[in-house]
Amino acid sequence: GATLSELKSGAGGVFADGNEDEAD
Protein backbone atom coordinates (compact mmCIF):
# COMPACT_ATOMS: atom_id res chain seq x y z
CA GLY A 1 0.00 0.00 0.00
CA ALA A 2 2.80 2.44 0.81
CA THR A 3 4.56 1.56 -2.45
CA LEU A 4 1.34 2.08 -4.39
CA SER A 5 0.92 5.48 -2.78
CA GLU A 6 4.45 6.49 -3.80
CA LEU A 7 3.85 5.36 -7.38
CA LYS A 8 0.55 7.21 -7.48
CA SER A 9 2.13 10.45 -6.34
CA GLY A 10 4.33 10.48 -9.45
CA ALA A 11 7.31 12.81 -9.82
CA GLY A 12 6.37 14.72 -6.67
CA GLY A 13 7.29 11.70 -4.57
CA VAL A 14 10.45 10.89 -2.69
CA PHE A 15 12.72 10.86 -5.75
CA ALA A 16 11.74 14.24 -7.21
CA ASP A 17 14.83 16.20 -8.25
CA GLY A 18 13.30 19.67 -8.15
CA ASN A 19 14.09 20.56 -11.79
CA GLU A 20 10.48 20.54 -12.89
CA ASP A 21 10.37 24.34 -13.29
CA GLU A 22 13.13 24.30 -15.90
CA ALA A 23 11.32 21.76 -18.06
CA ASP A 24 8.05 23.66 -17.82
PDB file of all heavy atoms in Angstrom:
ATOM      1  N   GLY A   1       0.808  -1.214   0.000  1.00  0.00           N
ATOM      2  CA  GLY A   1       0.000   0.000   0.000  1.00  0.00           C
ATOM      3  C   GLY A   1       0.839   1.260   0.000  1.00  0.00           C
ATOM      4  O   GLY A   1       0.541   2.221  -0.716  1.00  0.00           O
ATOM      5  N   ALA A   2       1.916   1.276   0.780  1.00  0.00           N
ATOM      6  CA  ALA A   2       2.801   2.444   0.808  1.00  0.00           C
ATOM      7  C   ALA A   2       3.512   2.611  -0.524  1.00  0.00           C
ATOM      8  O   ALA A   2       3.683   3.737  -1.014  1.00  0.00           O
ATOM      9  CB  ALA A   2       3.801   2.306   1.941  1.00  0.00           C
ATOM     10  N   THR A   3       3.907   1.501  -1.136  1.00  0.00           N
ATOM     11  CA  THR A   3       4.555   1.564  -2.445  1.00  0.00           C
ATOM     12  C   THR A   3       3.586   2.073  -3.493  1.00  0.00           C
ATOM     13  O   THR A   3       3.943   2.903  -4.338  1.00  0.00           O
ATOM     14  CB  THR A   3       5.084   0.175  -2.840  1.00  0.00           C
ATOM     15  OG1 THR A   3       5.981  -0.271  -1.826  1.00  0.00           O
ATOM     16  CG2 THR A   3       5.787   0.213  -4.173  1.00  0.00           C
ATOM     17  N   LEU A   4       2.362   1.610  -3.461  1.00  0.00           N
ATOM     18  CA  LEU A   4       1.343   2.082  -4.391  1.00  0.00           C
ATOM     19  C   LEU A   4       1.110   3.577  -4.241  1.00  0.00           C
ATOM     20  O   LEU A   4       0.983   4.298  -5.227  1.00  0.00           O
ATOM     21  CB  LEU A   4       0.032   1.319  -4.170  1.00  0.00           C
ATOM     22  CG  LEU A   4      -1.141   1.725  -5.048  1.00  0.00           C
ATOM     23  CD1 LEU A   4      -0.845   1.379  -6.503  1.00  0.00           C
ATOM     24  CD2 LEU A   4      -2.400   1.043  -4.581  1.00  0.00           C
ATOM     25  N   SER A   5       1.098   4.050  -3.025  1.00  0.00           N
ATOM     26  CA  SER A   5       0.917   5.476  -2.783  1.00  0.00           C
ATOM     27  C   SER A   5       2.059   6.280  -3.375  1.00  0.00           C
ATOM     28  O   SER A   5       1.845   7.349  -3.947  1.00  0.00           O
ATOM     29  CB  SER A   5       0.810   5.740  -1.282  1.00  0.00           C
ATOM     30  OG  SER A   5       0.779   7.126  -1.033  1.00  0.00           O
ATOM     31  N   GLU A   6       3.290   5.790  -3.236  1.00  0.00           N
ATOM     32  CA  GLU A   6       4.448   6.494  -3.803  1.00  0.00           C
ATOM     33  C   GLU A   6       4.374   6.508  -5.326  1.00  0.00           C
ATOM     34  O   GLU A   6       4.690   7.510  -5.955  1.00  0.00           O
ATOM     35  CB  GLU A   6       5.752   5.844  -3.356  1.00  0.00           C
ATOM     36  CG  GLU A   6       6.144   6.184  -1.961  1.00  0.00           C
ATOM     37  CD  GLU A   6       6.422   7.662  -1.776  1.00  0.00           C
ATOM     38  OE1 GLU A   6       7.064   8.285  -2.644  1.00  0.00           O
ATOM     39  OE2 GLU A   6       5.961   8.195  -0.762  1.00  0.00           O
ATOM     40  N   LEU A   7       3.970   5.404  -5.925  1.00  0.00           N
ATOM     41  CA  LEU A   7       3.850   5.358  -7.380  1.00  0.00           C
ATOM     42  C   LEU A   7       2.740   6.277  -7.868  1.00  0.00           C
ATOM     43  O   LEU A   7       2.861   6.904  -8.920  1.00  0.00           O
ATOM     44  CB  LEU A   7       3.593   3.929  -7.842  1.00  0.00           C
ATOM     45  CG  LEU A   7       4.743   2.954  -7.640  1.00  0.00           C
ATOM     46  CD1 LEU A   7       4.313   1.551  -8.032  1.00  0.00           C
ATOM     47  CD2 LEU A   7       5.953   3.384  -8.447  1.00  0.00           C
ATOM     48  N   LYS A   8       1.680   6.363  -7.101  1.00  0.00           N
ATOM     49  CA  LYS A   8       0.550   7.207  -7.480  1.00  0.00           C
ATOM     50  C   LYS A   8       0.905   8.684  -7.416  1.00  0.00           C
ATOM     51  O   LYS A   8       0.422   9.479  -8.208  1.00  0.00           O
ATOM     52  CB  LYS A   8      -0.623   6.919  -6.548  1.00  0.00           C
ATOM     53  CG  LYS A   8      -1.861   7.691  -6.905  1.00  0.00           C
ATOM     54  CD  LYS A   8      -2.984   7.389  -5.953  1.00  0.00           C
ATOM     55  CE  LYS A   8      -4.138   8.307  -6.270  1.00  0.00           C
ATOM     56  NZ  LYS A   8      -4.983   8.529  -5.145  1.00  0.00           N
ATOM     57  N   SER A   9       1.792   9.042  -6.483  1.00  0.00           N
ATOM     58  CA  SER A   9       2.134  10.453  -6.335  1.00  0.00           C
ATOM     59  C   SER A   9       2.990  10.954  -7.483  1.00  0.00           C
ATOM     60  O   SER A   9       3.124  12.152  -7.669  1.00  0.00           O
ATOM     61  CB  SER A   9       2.835  10.692  -4.997  1.00  0.00           C
ATOM     62  OG  SER A   9       4.093  10.062  -4.986  1.00  0.00           O
ATOM     63  N   GLY A  10       3.587  10.079  -8.265  1.00  0.00           N
ATOM     64  CA  GLY A  10       4.334  10.476  -9.448  1.00  0.00           C
ATOM     65  C   GLY A  10       5.651  11.148  -9.129  1.00  0.00           C
ATOM     66  O   GLY A  10       6.332  10.789  -8.176  1.00  0.00           O
ATOM     67  N   ALA A  11       6.007  12.150  -9.937  1.00  0.00           N
ATOM     68  CA  ALA A  11       7.307  12.810  -9.819  1.00  0.00           C
ATOM     69  C   ALA A  11       7.416  13.645  -8.554  1.00  0.00           C
ATOM     70  O   ALA A  11       8.502  14.025  -8.159  1.00  0.00           O
ATOM     71  CB  ALA A  11       7.560  13.680 -11.029  1.00  0.00           C
ATOM     72  N   GLY A  12       6.319  13.942  -7.899  1.00  0.00           N
ATOM     73  CA  GLY A  12       6.373  14.719  -6.672  1.00  0.00           C
ATOM     74  C   GLY A  12       6.688  13.880  -5.462  1.00  0.00           C
ATOM     75  O   GLY A  12       6.663  14.357  -4.349  1.00  0.00           O
ATOM     76  N   GLY A  13       7.012  12.616  -5.668  1.00  0.00           N
ATOM     77  CA  GLY A  13       7.286  11.704  -4.566  1.00  0.00           C
ATOM     78  C   GLY A  13       8.668  11.884  -3.985  1.00  0.00           C
ATOM     79  O   GLY A  13       9.299  12.930  -4.094  1.00  0.00           O
ATOM     80  N   VAL A  14       9.181  10.856  -3.395  1.00  0.00           N
ATOM     81  CA  VAL A  14      10.453  10.888  -2.688  1.00  0.00           C
ATOM     82  C   VAL A  14      11.620  11.210  -3.620  1.00  0.00           C
ATOM     83  O   VAL A  14      12.548  11.910  -3.258  1.00  0.00           O
ATOM     84  CB  VAL A  14      10.697   9.531  -1.985  1.00  0.00           C
ATOM     85  CG1 VAL A  14      12.081   9.475  -1.371  1.00  0.00           C
ATOM     86  CG2 VAL A  14       9.637   9.303  -0.936  1.00  0.00           C
ATOM     87  N   PHE A  15      11.585  10.744  -4.854  1.00  0.00           N
ATOM     88  CA  PHE A  15      12.717  10.860  -5.750  1.00  0.00           C
ATOM     89  C   PHE A  15      12.642  12.067  -6.679  1.00  0.00           C
ATOM     90  O   PHE A  15      13.345  12.113  -7.686  1.00  0.00           O
ATOM     91  CB  PHE A  15      12.853   9.583  -6.586  1.00  0.00           C
ATOM     92  CG  PHE A  15      13.041   8.372  -5.733  1.00  0.00           C
ATOM     93  CD1 PHE A  15      12.039   7.432  -5.607  1.00  0.00           C
ATOM     94  CD2 PHE A  15      14.207   8.185  -5.026  1.00  0.00           C
ATOM     95  CE1 PHE A  15      12.205   6.320  -4.810  1.00  0.00           C
ATOM     96  CE2 PHE A  15      14.386   7.077  -4.222  1.00  0.00           C
ATOM     97  CZ  PHE A  15      13.382   6.142  -4.112  1.00  0.00           C
ATOM     98  N   ALA A  16      11.822  13.042  -6.378  1.00  0.00           N
ATOM     99  CA  ALA A  16      11.743  14.242  -7.210  1.00  0.00           C
ATOM    100  C   ALA A  16      13.056  15.010  -7.107  1.00  0.00           C
ATOM    101  O   ALA A  16      13.618  15.174  -6.044  1.00  0.00           O
ATOM    102  CB  ALA A  16      10.584  15.116  -6.753  1.00  0.00           C
ATOM    103  N   ASP A  17      13.540  15.511  -8.255  1.00  0.00           N
ATOM    104  CA  ASP A  17      14.826  16.197  -8.247  1.00  0.00           C
ATOM    105  C   ASP A  17      14.684  17.716  -8.166  1.00  0.00           C
ATOM    106  O   ASP A  17      15.673  18.420  -8.028  1.00  0.00           O
ATOM    107  CB  ASP A  17      15.652  15.811  -9.476  1.00  0.00           C
ATOM    108  CG  ASP A  17      14.951  16.141 -10.777  1.00  0.00           C
ATOM    109  OD1 ASP A  17      13.825  16.646 -10.744  1.00  0.00           O
ATOM    110  OD2 ASP A  17      15.558  15.892 -11.841  1.00  0.00           O
ATOM    111  N   GLY A  18      13.507  18.238  -8.304  1.00  0.00           N
ATOM    112  CA  GLY A  18      13.299  19.672  -8.150  1.00  0.00           C
ATOM    113  C   GLY A  18      13.557  20.466  -9.410  1.00  0.00           C
ATOM    114  O   GLY A  18      13.498  21.686  -9.400  1.00  0.00           O
ATOM    115  N   ASN A  19      13.832  19.850 -10.542  1.00  0.00           N
ATOM    116  CA  ASN A  19      14.094  20.558 -11.787  1.00  0.00           C
ATOM    117  C   ASN A  19      12.862  20.647 -12.673  1.00  0.00           C
ATOM    118  O   ASN A  19      12.982  20.841 -13.863  1.00  0.00           O
ATOM    119  CB  ASN A  19      15.225  19.867 -12.558  1.00  0.00           C
ATOM    120  CG  ASN A  19      16.548  20.008 -11.861  1.00  0.00           C
ATOM    121  OD1 ASN A  19      16.762  20.986 -11.146  1.00  0.00           O
ATOM    122  ND2 ASN A  19      17.431  19.053 -12.075  1.00  0.00           N
ATOM    123  N   GLU A  20      11.706  20.511 -12.102  1.00  0.00           N
ATOM    124  CA  GLU A  20      10.479  20.538 -12.890  1.00  0.00           C
ATOM    125  C   GLU A  20      10.218  21.915 -13.483  1.00  0.00           C
ATOM    126  O   GLU A  20       9.683  22.042 -14.558  1.00  0.00           O
ATOM    127  CB  GLU A  20       9.291  20.113 -12.031  1.00  0.00           C
ATOM    128  CG  GLU A  20       9.391  18.681 -11.568  1.00  0.00           C
ATOM    129  CD  GLU A  20       8.278  18.326 -10.605  1.00  0.00           C
ATOM    130  OE1 GLU A  20       7.414  19.170 -10.357  1.00  0.00           O
ATOM    131  OE2 GLU A  20       8.289  17.207 -10.099  1.00  0.00           O
ATOM    132  N   ASP A  21      10.615  22.989 -12.796  1.00  0.00           N
ATOM    133  CA  ASP A  21      10.368  24.339 -13.287  1.00  0.00           C
ATOM    134  C   ASP A  21      11.126  24.615 -14.574  1.00  0.00           C
ATOM    135  O   ASP A  21      10.633  25.285 -15.466  1.00  0.00           O
ATOM    136  CB  ASP A  21      10.761  25.373 -12.221  1.00  0.00           C
ATOM    137  CG  ASP A  21       9.875  25.289 -10.992  1.00  0.00           C
ATOM    138  OD1 ASP A  21       8.736  24.800 -11.137  1.00  0.00           O
ATOM    139  OD2 ASP A  21      10.315  25.709  -9.911  1.00  0.00           O
ATOM    140  N   GLU A  22      12.346  24.089 -14.700  1.00  0.00           N
ATOM    141  CA  GLU A  22      13.134  24.302 -15.901  1.00  0.00           C
ATOM    142  C   GLU A  22      12.476  23.651 -17.110  1.00  0.00           C
ATOM    143  O   GLU A  22      12.434  24.222 -18.183  1.00  0.00           O
ATOM    144  CB  GLU A  22      14.540  23.750 -15.705  1.00  0.00           C
ATOM    145  CG  GLU A  22      15.334  24.505 -14.655  1.00  0.00           C
ATOM    146  CD  GLU A  22      16.676  23.853 -14.385  1.00  0.00           C
ATOM    147  OE1 GLU A  22      17.022  22.873 -15.086  1.00  0.00           O
ATOM    148  OE2 GLU A  22      17.369  24.319 -13.469  1.00  0.00           O
ATOM    149  N   ALA A  23      11.967  22.452 -16.949  1.00  0.00           N
ATOM    150  CA  ALA A  23      11.317  21.764 -18.062  1.00  0.00           C
ATOM    151  C   ALA A  23      10.035  22.471 -18.460  1.00  0.00           C
ATOM    152  O   ALA A  23       9.731  22.590 -19.637  1.00  0.00           O
ATOM    153  CB  ALA A  23      11.019  20.310 -17.698  1.00  0.00           C
ATOM    154  N   ASP A  24       9.273  22.958 -17.504  1.00  0.00           N
ATOM    155  CA  ASP A  24       8.047  23.661 -17.823  1.00  0.00           C
ATOM    156  C   ASP A  24       8.328  24.958 -18.565  1.00  0.00           C
ATOM    157  O   ASP A  24       7.604  25.338 -19.469  1.00  0.00           O
ATOM    158  CB  ASP A  24       7.242  23.961 -16.548  1.00  0.00           C
ATOM    159  CG  ASP A  24       6.668  22.694 -15.926  1.00  0.00           C
ATOM    160  OD1 ASP A  24       6.549  21.698 -16.673  1.00  0.00           O
ATOM    161  OD2 ASP A  24       6.356  22.716 -14.728  1.00  0.00           O
TER     162      ASP A  24
END
